[in-house]
Amino acid sequence: MKPNVQLAASVEFLKTDILGALQSVDDKQIFMVKQLNGGKKPTGISLKELASTLTKSVGAEEISLPAELESIAQEYRIFMNQVYLKIERSSKNPEKKADFEYALWLSIAVDEDGLKKLKEENPIFELLAIKEVALKIWNSSDAKILEEMNFVDIKDQLSLNAA
């Protein structure tokens, strides 16, 4: 009888807890990476904080932004809403290609308080304010992952506008 083995690690990336695990059970080897936010919106990191951290980590001087951009960089945050990778293969059939699934959802957004502050500081935000920009890439049939991706249903939106 072959032993079962699992190796797991937890890391934080862009203020998002991520779990990675490699598991060998019976004749299957599975590698999985998944964010651990329990369905809650991640904390995210402000653009200013990200830029500051990156410049400090390479020993460069911190960049000072014009006042108009400073508040924008402080209020807009980058979120890793979904990170998922699963690679599974069977040692019974090594010539068969491994099953490969992934999902990634990144967004840059501002919350209502941040938007209010930006509108007070710069009237252009009264005319046009980008609340969120999201990028979603996936190749998965896992029902839980697809539910967590929170897709905009384009057909539903079009039928709402047509009514």
N, C-alpha and C. Protein backbone atom coordinates (compact mmCIF):
# COMPACT_ATOMS: atom_id res chain seq x y z
N MET A 1 0.85 -1.19 0.00
CA MET A 1 0.00 0.00 0.00
C MET A 1 0.88 1.25 0.00
N LYS A 2 0.57 2.19 -0.86
CA LYS A 2 1.33 3.42 -1.03
C LYS A 2 0.85 4.46 -0.01
N PRO A 3 1.76 5.21 0.62
CA PRO A 3 1.31 6.23 1.59
C PRO A 3 0.67 7.43 0.88
N ASN A 4 -0.25 8.08 1.56
CA ASN A 4 -0.84 9.33 1.09
C ASN A 4 0.00 10.48 1.65
N VAL A 5 0.18 11.52 0.85
CA VAL A 5 1.03 12.64 1.25
C VAL A 5 0.36 13.95 0.88
N GLN A 6 0.52 14.96 1.75
CA GLN A 6 0.05 16.30 1.42
C GLN A 6 1.06 17.32 1.95
N LEU A 7 1.36 18.31 1.14
CA LEU A 7 2.20 19.43 1.52
C LEU A 7 1.39 20.69 1.24
N ALA A 8 1.27 21.56 2.25
CA ALA A 8 0.45 22.77 2.08
C ALA A 8 1.21 23.97 2.61
N ALA A 9 0.92 25.13 2.03
CA ALA A 9 1.52 26.38 2.48
C ALA A 9 0.49 27.49 2.35
N SER A 10 0.52 28.40 3.29
CA SER A 10 -0.37 29.56 3.26
C SER A 10 0.49 30.81 3.12
N VAL A 11 0.11 31.68 2.20
CA VAL A 11 0.85 32.92 1.96
C VAL A 11 -0.12 34.08 1.86
N GLU A 12 0.41 35.28 1.98
CA GLU A 12 -0.39 36.48 1.75
C GLU A 12 0.20 37.21 0.56
N PHE A 13 -0.65 37.54 -0.42
CA PHE A 13 -0.22 38.28 -1.60
C PHE A 13 -1.27 39.34 -1.88
N LEU A 14 -0.84 40.59 -2.02
CA LEU A 14 -1.75 41.72 -2.22
C LEU A 14 -2.85 41.72 -1.15
N LYS A 15 -2.44 41.46 0.09
CA LYS A 15 -3.34 41.44 1.25
C LYS A 15 -4.46 40.41 1.11
N THR A 16 -4.18 39.33 0.39
CA THR A 16 -5.13 38.24 0.22
C THR A 16 -4.46 36.95 0.68
N ASP A 17 -5.12 36.23 1.59
CA ASP A 17 -4.60 34.94 2.03
C ASP A 17 -4.81 33.91 0.94
N ILE A 18 -3.75 33.16 0.64
CA ILE A 18 -3.79 32.16 -0.43
C ILE A 18 -3.24 30.85 0.13
N LEU A 19 -3.90 29.76 -0.20
CA LEU A 19 -3.46 28.43 0.20
C LEU A 19 -2.98 27.69 -1.03
N GLY A 20 -1.85 27.04 -0.90
CA GLY A 20 -1.34 26.16 -1.94
C GLY A 20 -1.18 24.78 -1.35
N ALA A 21 -1.57 23.75 -2.09
CA ALA A 21 -1.45 22.38 -1.58
C ALA A 21 -1.08 21.43 -2.71
N LEU A 22 -0.23 20.50 -2.36
CA LEU A 22 0.15 19.42 -3.26
C LEU A 22 -0.21 18.14 -2.53
N GLN A 23 -0.98 17.29 -3.20
CA GLN A 23 -1.49 16.10 -2.52
C GLN A 23 -1.35 14.90 -3.43
N SER A 24 -0.94 13.78 -2.84
CA SER A 24 -0.88 12.52 -3.55
C SER A 24 -1.68 11.51 -2.73
N VAL A 25 -2.83 11.13 -3.26
CA VAL A 25 -3.71 10.17 -2.59
C VAL A 25 -4.08 9.11 -3.61
N ASP A 26 -3.91 7.86 -3.20
CA ASP A 26 -4.14 6.72 -4.09
C ASP A 26 -3.31 6.92 -5.35
N ASP A 27 -3.95 7.02 -6.50
CA ASP A 27 -3.20 7.18 -7.75
C ASP A 27 -3.35 8.56 -8.35
N LYS A 28 -3.80 9.53 -7.55
CA LYS A 28 -4.00 10.89 -8.06
C LYS A 28 -3.03 11.86 -7.39
N GLN A 29 -2.48 12.76 -8.20
CA GLN A 29 -1.68 13.86 -7.69
C GLN A 29 -2.44 15.14 -8.05
N ILE A 30 -2.64 15.97 -7.04
CA ILE A 30 -3.37 17.22 -7.25
C ILE A 30 -2.55 18.37 -6.68
N PHE A 31 -2.41 19.41 -7.50
CA PHE A 31 -1.81 20.67 -7.05
C PHE A 31 -2.90 21.72 -7.13
N MET A 32 -3.09 22.46 -6.03
CA MET A 32 -4.18 23.43 -5.97
C MET A 32 -3.69 24.72 -5.30
N VAL A 33 -4.14 25.86 -5.86
CA VAL A 33 -3.91 27.18 -5.26
C VAL A 33 -5.27 27.85 -5.20
N LYS A 34 -5.61 28.43 -4.04
CA LYS A 34 -6.93 29.04 -3.87
C LYS A 34 -6.85 30.15 -2.83
N GLN A 35 -7.53 31.27 -3.10
CA GLN A 35 -7.57 32.34 -2.11
C GLN A 35 -8.48 31.92 -0.98
N LEU A 36 -8.22 32.44 0.22
CA LEU A 36 -8.97 32.06 1.42
C LEU A 36 -9.69 33.27 1.99
N ASN A 37 -10.76 33.69 1.36
CA ASN A 37 -11.47 34.84 1.90
C ASN A 37 -12.86 34.47 2.39
N GLY A 38 -13.20 33.17 2.33
CA GLY A 38 -14.47 32.71 2.87
C GLY A 38 -15.68 33.43 2.29
N GLY A 39 -15.61 33.83 1.04
CA GLY A 39 -16.72 34.51 0.40
C GLY A 39 -16.80 36.00 0.70
N LYS A 40 -15.92 36.51 1.57
CA LYS A 40 -15.91 37.94 1.88
C LYS A 40 -15.07 38.68 0.84
N LYS A 41 -15.41 39.96 0.64
CA LYS A 41 -14.61 40.79 -0.26
C LYS A 41 -13.21 40.94 0.35
N PRO A 42 -12.18 40.72 -0.43
CA PRO A 42 -10.82 40.88 0.10
C PRO A 42 -10.53 42.33 0.48
N THR A 43 -9.54 42.51 1.33
CA THR A 43 -9.15 43.84 1.80
C THR A 43 -8.58 44.68 0.67
N GLY A 44 -7.76 44.07 -0.14
CA GLY A 44 -7.12 44.81 -1.23
C GLY A 44 -6.00 45.70 -0.72
N ILE A 45 -5.35 46.35 -1.64
CA ILE A 45 -4.23 47.23 -1.32
C ILE A 45 -4.37 48.48 -2.18
N SER A 46 -4.17 49.65 -1.58
CA SER A 46 -4.30 50.88 -2.36
C SER A 46 -3.17 50.97 -3.38
N LEU A 47 -3.43 51.68 -4.46
CA LEU A 47 -2.40 51.88 -5.48
C LEU A 47 -1.19 52.57 -4.86
N LYS A 48 -1.43 53.52 -3.97
CA LYS A 48 -0.33 54.24 -3.30
C LYS A 48 0.50 53.28 -2.45
N GLU A 49 -0.18 52.44 -1.68
CA GLU A 49 0.53 51.48 -0.82
C GLU A 49 1.32 50.48 -1.66
N LEU A 50 0.75 50.03 -2.77
CA LEU A 50 1.45 49.10 -3.65
C LEU A 50 2.70 49.75 -4.22
N ALA A 51 2.58 50.98 -4.73
CA ALA A 51 3.73 51.68 -5.30
C ALA A 51 4.80 51.92 -4.23
N SER A 52 4.38 52.32 -3.04
CA SER A 52 5.32 52.58 -1.95
C SER A 52 6.06 51.31 -1.55
N THR A 53 5.34 50.21 -1.42
CA THR A 53 5.95 48.93 -1.04
C THR A 53 6.95 48.46 -2.10
N LEU A 54 6.57 48.59 -3.36
CA LEU A 54 7.47 48.16 -4.43
C LEU A 54 8.74 49.01 -4.48
N THR A 55 8.60 50.33 -4.35
CA THR A 55 9.80 51.18 -4.39
C THR A 55 10.70 50.92 -3.19
N LYS A 56 10.12 50.73 -2.01
CA LYS A 56 10.93 50.43 -0.81
C LYS A 56 11.64 49.09 -0.95
N SER A 57 10.94 48.10 -1.53
CA SER A 57 11.52 46.76 -1.63
C SER A 57 12.71 46.70 -2.58
N VAL A 58 12.81 47.62 -3.52
CA VAL A 58 13.96 47.65 -4.42
C VAL A 58 14.95 48.75 -4.03
N GLY A 59 14.71 49.40 -2.91
CA GLY A 59 15.63 50.41 -2.41
C GLY A 59 15.57 51.73 -3.14
N ALA A 60 14.51 51.97 -3.87
CA ALA A 60 14.37 53.23 -4.61
C ALA A 60 13.70 54.29 -3.74
N GLU A 61 13.88 55.54 -4.12
CA GLU A 61 13.21 56.62 -3.41
C GLU A 61 11.73 56.61 -3.73
N GLU A 62 10.94 56.93 -2.74
CA GLU A 62 9.50 56.96 -2.95
C GLU A 62 9.14 58.10 -3.89
N ILE A 63 8.22 57.81 -4.78
CA ILE A 63 7.79 58.78 -5.78
C ILE A 63 6.70 59.66 -5.16
N SER A 64 6.85 60.96 -5.31
CA SER A 64 5.78 61.84 -4.83
C SER A 64 4.92 62.22 -6.03
N LEU A 65 3.62 62.08 -5.83
CA LEU A 65 2.66 62.35 -6.89
C LEU A 65 2.07 63.75 -6.72
N PRO A 66 1.59 64.35 -7.80
CA PRO A 66 0.85 65.61 -7.66
C PRO A 66 -0.37 65.37 -6.76
N ALA A 67 -0.82 66.38 -6.07
CA ALA A 67 -1.91 66.26 -5.10
C ALA A 67 -3.15 65.61 -5.71
N GLU A 68 -3.49 65.95 -6.97
CA GLU A 68 -4.67 65.38 -7.61
C GLU A 68 -4.56 63.86 -7.75
N LEU A 69 -3.37 63.40 -8.08
CA LEU A 69 -3.17 61.96 -8.25
C LEU A 69 -2.96 61.25 -6.91
N GLU A 70 -2.44 61.96 -5.94
CA GLU A 70 -2.18 61.36 -4.62
C GLU A 70 -3.46 60.80 -4.01
N SER A 71 -4.54 61.56 -4.03
CA SER A 71 -5.78 61.08 -3.43
C SER A 71 -6.39 59.94 -4.25
N ILE A 72 -6.25 59.98 -5.55
CA ILE A 72 -6.75 58.89 -6.39
C ILE A 72 -5.99 57.60 -6.06
N ALA A 73 -4.66 57.70 -5.97
CA ALA A 73 -3.84 56.53 -5.65
C ALA A 73 -4.14 56.00 -4.25
N GLN A 74 -4.55 56.87 -3.35
CA GLN A 74 -4.88 56.44 -1.99
C GLN A 74 -6.26 55.76 -1.93
N GLU A 75 -7.21 56.23 -2.71
CA GLU A 75 -8.59 55.73 -2.60
C GLU A 75 -8.86 54.49 -3.46
N TYR A 76 -8.21 54.37 -4.61
CA TYR A 76 -8.43 53.19 -5.44
C TYR A 76 -7.59 52.03 -4.93
N ARG A 77 -8.20 50.85 -4.88
CA ARG A 77 -7.54 49.66 -4.35
C ARG A 77 -7.55 48.54 -5.39
N ILE A 78 -6.53 47.69 -5.32
CA ILE A 78 -6.46 46.49 -6.16
C ILE A 78 -6.93 45.32 -5.30
N PHE A 79 -7.84 44.52 -5.88
CA PHE A 79 -8.38 43.37 -5.17
C PHE A 79 -8.10 42.09 -5.96
N MET A 80 -7.71 41.06 -5.25
CA MET A 80 -7.65 39.71 -5.83
C MET A 80 -8.89 39.00 -5.32
N ASN A 81 -9.96 39.08 -6.09
CA ASN A 81 -11.24 38.51 -5.67
C ASN A 81 -11.27 37.00 -5.82
N GLN A 82 -10.57 36.48 -6.80
CA GLN A 82 -10.54 35.04 -7.01
C GLN A 82 -9.19 34.63 -7.57
N VAL A 83 -8.59 33.64 -6.93
CA VAL A 83 -7.37 33.02 -7.42
C VAL A 83 -7.59 31.52 -7.28
N TYR A 84 -7.52 30.81 -8.37
CA TYR A 84 -7.76 29.37 -8.33
C TYR A 84 -6.95 28.70 -9.42
N LEU A 85 -6.26 27.65 -9.04
CA LEU A 85 -5.51 26.83 -9.98
C LEU A 85 -5.58 25.40 -9.48
N LYS A 86 -5.92 24.48 -10.36
CA LYS A 86 -5.93 23.06 -9.99
C LYS A 86 -5.38 22.25 -11.15
N ILE A 87 -4.37 21.45 -10.83
CA ILE A 87 -3.78 20.54 -11.80
C ILE A 87 -3.89 19.14 -11.20
N GLU A 88 -4.51 18.26 -11.93
CA GLU A 88 -4.73 16.90 -11.42
C GLU A 88 -4.30 15.89 -12.47
N ARG A 89 -3.58 14.88 -12.02
CA ARG A 89 -3.19 13.82 -12.94
C ARG A 89 -3.22 12.48 -12.23
N SER A 90 -3.29 11.45 -13.00
CA SER A 90 -3.35 10.10 -12.46
C SER A 90 -2.06 9.37 -12.79
N SER A 91 -1.49 8.70 -11.80
CA SER A 91 -0.28 7.93 -12.07
C SER A 91 -0.61 6.59 -12.73
N LYS A 92 -1.89 6.21 -12.74
CA LYS A 92 -2.31 4.98 -13.43
C LYS A 92 -2.19 5.15 -14.95
N ASN A 93 -2.36 6.39 -15.41
CA ASN A 93 -2.35 6.68 -16.84
C ASN A 93 -1.44 7.89 -17.10
N PRO A 94 -0.11 7.70 -16.96
CA PRO A 94 0.82 8.85 -17.05
C PRO A 94 0.88 9.54 -18.40
N GLU A 95 0.50 8.83 -19.49
CA GLU A 95 0.53 9.51 -20.79
C GLU A 95 -0.67 10.40 -21.02
N LYS A 96 -1.70 10.25 -20.20
CA LYS A 96 -2.87 11.13 -20.32
C LYS A 96 -2.51 12.52 -19.81
N LYS A 97 -2.97 13.54 -20.53
CA LYS A 97 -2.73 14.92 -20.13
C LYS A 97 -3.37 15.20 -18.77
N ALA A 98 -2.73 16.02 -17.99
CA ALA A 98 -3.29 16.41 -16.69
C ALA A 98 -4.51 17.30 -16.89
N ASP A 99 -5.48 17.19 -15.98
CA ASP A 99 -6.62 18.10 -15.98
C ASP A 99 -6.14 19.42 -15.40
N PHE A 100 -6.51 20.51 -16.06
CA PHE A 100 -6.00 21.84 -15.69
C PHE A 100 -7.16 22.81 -15.64
N GLU A 101 -7.38 23.42 -14.47
CA GLU A 101 -8.43 24.42 -14.30
C GLU A 101 -7.83 25.66 -13.65
N TYR A 102 -8.41 26.82 -14.00
CA TYR A 102 -7.95 28.05 -13.38
C TYR A 102 -9.05 29.09 -13.40
N ALA A 103 -8.92 30.05 -12.50
CA ALA A 103 -9.81 31.21 -12.48
C ALA A 103 -9.06 32.35 -11.79
N LEU A 104 -9.18 33.52 -12.36
CA LEU A 104 -8.55 34.71 -11.80
C LEU A 104 -9.50 35.89 -11.98
N TRP A 105 -9.71 36.62 -10.90
CA TRP A 105 -10.56 37.81 -10.94
C TRP A 105 -9.82 38.91 -10.18
N LEU A 106 -9.35 39.88 -10.92
CA LEU A 106 -8.68 41.05 -10.35
C LEU A 106 -9.56 42.27 -10.59
N SER A 107 -9.57 43.18 -9.64
CA SER A 107 -10.32 44.41 -9.87
C SER A 107 -9.60 45.57 -9.21
N ILE A 108 -9.87 46.75 -9.75
CA ILE A 108 -9.43 48.02 -9.15
C ILE A 108 -10.72 48.77 -8.89
N ALA A 109 -10.92 49.18 -7.64
CA ALA A 109 -12.19 49.80 -7.27
C ALA A 109 -12.00 50.83 -6.18
N VAL A 110 -13.03 51.66 -6.04
CA VAL A 110 -13.08 52.66 -4.98
C VAL A 110 -14.40 52.43 -4.24
N ASP A 111 -14.37 52.51 -2.90
CA ASP A 111 -15.61 52.34 -2.15
C ASP A 111 -16.37 53.66 -2.09
N GLU A 112 -17.59 53.63 -1.53
CA GLU A 112 -18.45 54.83 -1.51
C GLU A 112 -17.82 55.99 -0.73
N ASP A 113 -17.17 55.70 0.39
CA ASP A 113 -16.51 56.77 1.17
C ASP A 113 -15.37 57.40 0.38
N GLY A 114 -14.58 56.55 -0.29
CA GLY A 114 -13.48 57.06 -1.10
C GLY A 114 -13.98 57.88 -2.27
N LEU A 115 -15.07 57.45 -2.89
CA LEU A 115 -15.64 58.19 -4.01
C LEU A 115 -16.17 59.54 -3.54
N LYS A 116 -16.80 59.56 -2.38
CA LYS A 116 -17.30 60.82 -1.82
C LYS A 116 -16.14 61.80 -1.59
N LYS A 117 -15.05 61.28 -1.03
CA LYS A 117 -13.87 62.11 -0.78
C LYS A 117 -13.30 62.66 -2.10
N LEU A 118 -13.22 61.81 -3.12
CA LEU A 118 -12.70 62.24 -4.41
C LEU A 118 -13.59 63.30 -5.04
N LYS A 119 -14.91 63.15 -4.90
CA LYS A 119 -15.84 64.14 -5.46
C LYS A 119 -15.70 65.48 -4.75
N GLU A 120 -15.42 65.46 -3.46
CA GLU A 120 -15.22 66.71 -2.71
C GLU A 120 -13.93 67.40 -3.14
N GLU A 121 -12.89 66.63 -3.45
CA GLU A 121 -11.59 67.19 -3.81
C GLU A 121 -11.51 67.62 -5.27
N ASN A 122 -12.26 66.96 -6.13
CA ASN A 122 -12.15 67.26 -7.56
C ASN A 122 -13.51 67.11 -8.23
N PRO A 123 -14.10 68.20 -8.70
CA PRO A 123 -15.46 68.17 -9.25
C PRO A 123 -15.62 67.29 -10.50
N ILE A 124 -14.52 66.95 -11.17
CA ILE A 124 -14.64 66.08 -12.35
C ILE A 124 -15.26 64.73 -11.98
N PHE A 125 -15.05 64.31 -10.73
CA PHE A 125 -15.61 63.03 -10.28
C PHE A 125 -17.13 63.09 -10.15
N GLU A 126 -17.71 64.30 -10.13
CA GLU A 126 -19.17 64.43 -10.16
C GLU A 126 -19.71 64.07 -11.54
N LEU A 127 -18.91 64.34 -12.58
CA LEU A 127 -19.33 64.04 -13.95
C LEU A 127 -19.01 62.61 -14.36
N LEU A 128 -17.83 62.16 -14.00
CA LEU A 128 -17.39 60.83 -14.39
C LEU A 128 -16.52 60.24 -13.30
N ALA A 129 -16.94 59.10 -12.80
CA ALA A 129 -16.15 58.40 -11.78
C ALA A 129 -16.19 56.91 -12.09
N ILE A 130 -15.04 56.34 -12.30
CA ILE A 130 -14.95 54.90 -12.51
C ILE A 130 -14.98 54.25 -11.15
N LYS A 131 -16.04 53.48 -10.88
CA LYS A 131 -16.18 52.83 -9.58
C LYS A 131 -15.38 51.53 -9.51
N GLU A 132 -15.36 50.78 -10.62
CA GLU A 132 -14.64 49.51 -10.61
C GLU A 132 -14.31 49.08 -12.04
N VAL A 133 -13.13 48.50 -12.19
CA VAL A 133 -12.72 47.85 -13.43
C VAL A 133 -12.31 46.44 -13.02
N ALA A 134 -12.90 45.45 -13.68
CA ALA A 134 -12.63 44.06 -13.31
C ALA A 134 -12.16 43.26 -14.52
N LEU A 135 -11.25 42.35 -14.25
CA LEU A 135 -10.77 41.40 -15.25
C LEU A 135 -10.99 40.00 -14.70
N LYS A 136 -11.71 39.17 -15.47
CA LYS A 136 -12.00 37.80 -15.06
C LYS A 136 -11.57 36.85 -16.18
N ILE A 137 -10.73 35.90 -15.82
CA ILE A 137 -10.23 34.90 -16.76
C ILE A 137 -10.46 33.55 -16.10
N TRP A 138 -11.06 32.60 -16.83
CA TRP A 138 -11.32 31.31 -16.22
C TRP A 138 -11.39 30.20 -17.25
N ASN A 139 -11.09 29.01 -16.77
CA ASN A 139 -11.27 27.77 -17.51
C ASN A 139 -11.55 26.72 -16.44
N SER A 140 -12.76 26.72 -15.95
CA SER A 140 -13.14 25.81 -14.87
C SER A 140 -14.62 25.49 -14.98
N SER A 141 -14.96 24.28 -14.59
CA SER A 141 -16.37 23.89 -14.53
C SER A 141 -16.80 23.66 -13.08
N ASP A 142 -15.92 23.97 -12.13
CA ASP A 142 -16.23 23.80 -10.72
C ASP A 142 -17.33 24.78 -10.32
N ALA A 143 -18.46 24.26 -9.88
CA ALA A 143 -19.63 25.09 -9.58
C ALA A 143 -19.33 26.15 -8.51
N LYS A 144 -18.59 25.78 -7.48
CA LYS A 144 -18.28 26.74 -6.41
C LYS A 144 -17.41 27.88 -6.93
N ILE A 145 -16.42 27.54 -7.72
CA ILE A 145 -15.53 28.57 -8.28
C ILE A 145 -16.32 29.51 -9.18
N LEU A 146 -17.16 28.95 -10.04
CA LEU A 146 -17.95 29.78 -10.95
C LEU A 146 -18.91 30.68 -10.19
N GLU A 147 -19.48 30.18 -9.11
CA GLU A 147 -20.38 31.01 -8.28
C GLU A 147 -19.60 32.16 -7.64
N GLU A 148 -18.40 31.87 -7.15
CA GLU A 148 -17.57 32.90 -6.52
C GLU A 148 -17.09 33.96 -7.51
N MET A 149 -17.07 33.65 -8.80
CA MET A 149 -16.60 34.61 -9.80
C MET A 149 -17.58 35.76 -9.99
N ASN A 150 -18.83 35.59 -9.58
CA ASN A 150 -19.81 36.69 -9.58
C ASN A 150 -19.88 37.37 -10.96
N PHE A 151 -20.19 36.58 -11.96
CA PHE A 151 -20.22 37.09 -13.33
C PHE A 151 -21.38 38.06 -13.55
N VAL A 152 -21.16 39.03 -14.41
CA VAL A 152 -22.23 39.87 -14.92
C VAL A 152 -22.88 39.06 -16.04
N ASP A 153 -24.17 38.80 -15.93
CA ASP A 153 -24.87 38.05 -16.97
C ASP A 153 -25.30 39.04 -18.05
N ILE A 154 -24.57 39.05 -19.14
CA ILE A 154 -24.81 40.03 -20.21
C ILE A 154 -26.20 39.87 -20.81
N LYS A 155 -26.64 38.63 -21.00
CA LYS A 155 -27.99 38.41 -21.57
C LYS A 155 -29.06 38.99 -20.65
N ASP A 156 -28.91 38.78 -19.34
CA ASP A 156 -29.89 39.35 -18.40
C ASP A 156 -29.87 40.87 -18.46
N GLN A 157 -28.69 41.47 -18.55
CA GLN A 157 -28.59 42.93 -18.60
C GLN A 157 -29.24 43.48 -19.88
N LEU A 158 -29.03 42.77 -21.00
CA LEU A 158 -29.63 43.21 -22.26
C LEU A 158 -31.14 43.09 -22.24
N SER A 159 -31.66 42.02 -21.64
CA SER A 159 -33.12 41.86 -21.58
C SER A 159 -33.74 42.87 -20.63
N LEU A 160 -33.04 43.28 -19.59
CA LEU A 160 -33.54 44.31 -18.69
C LEU A 160 -33.67 45.64 -19.41
N ASN A 161 -32.67 45.95 -20.25
CA ASN A 161 -32.68 47.21 -20.98
C ASN A 161 -33.71 47.22 -22.10
N ALA A 162 -34.05 46.03 -22.64
CA ALA A 162 -35.00 45.95 -23.74
C ALA A 162 -36.44 46.10 -23.27
N ALA A 163 -36.68 45.82 -21.99
CA ALA A 163 -38.06 45.86 -21.46
C ALA A 163 -38.56 47.27 -21.24
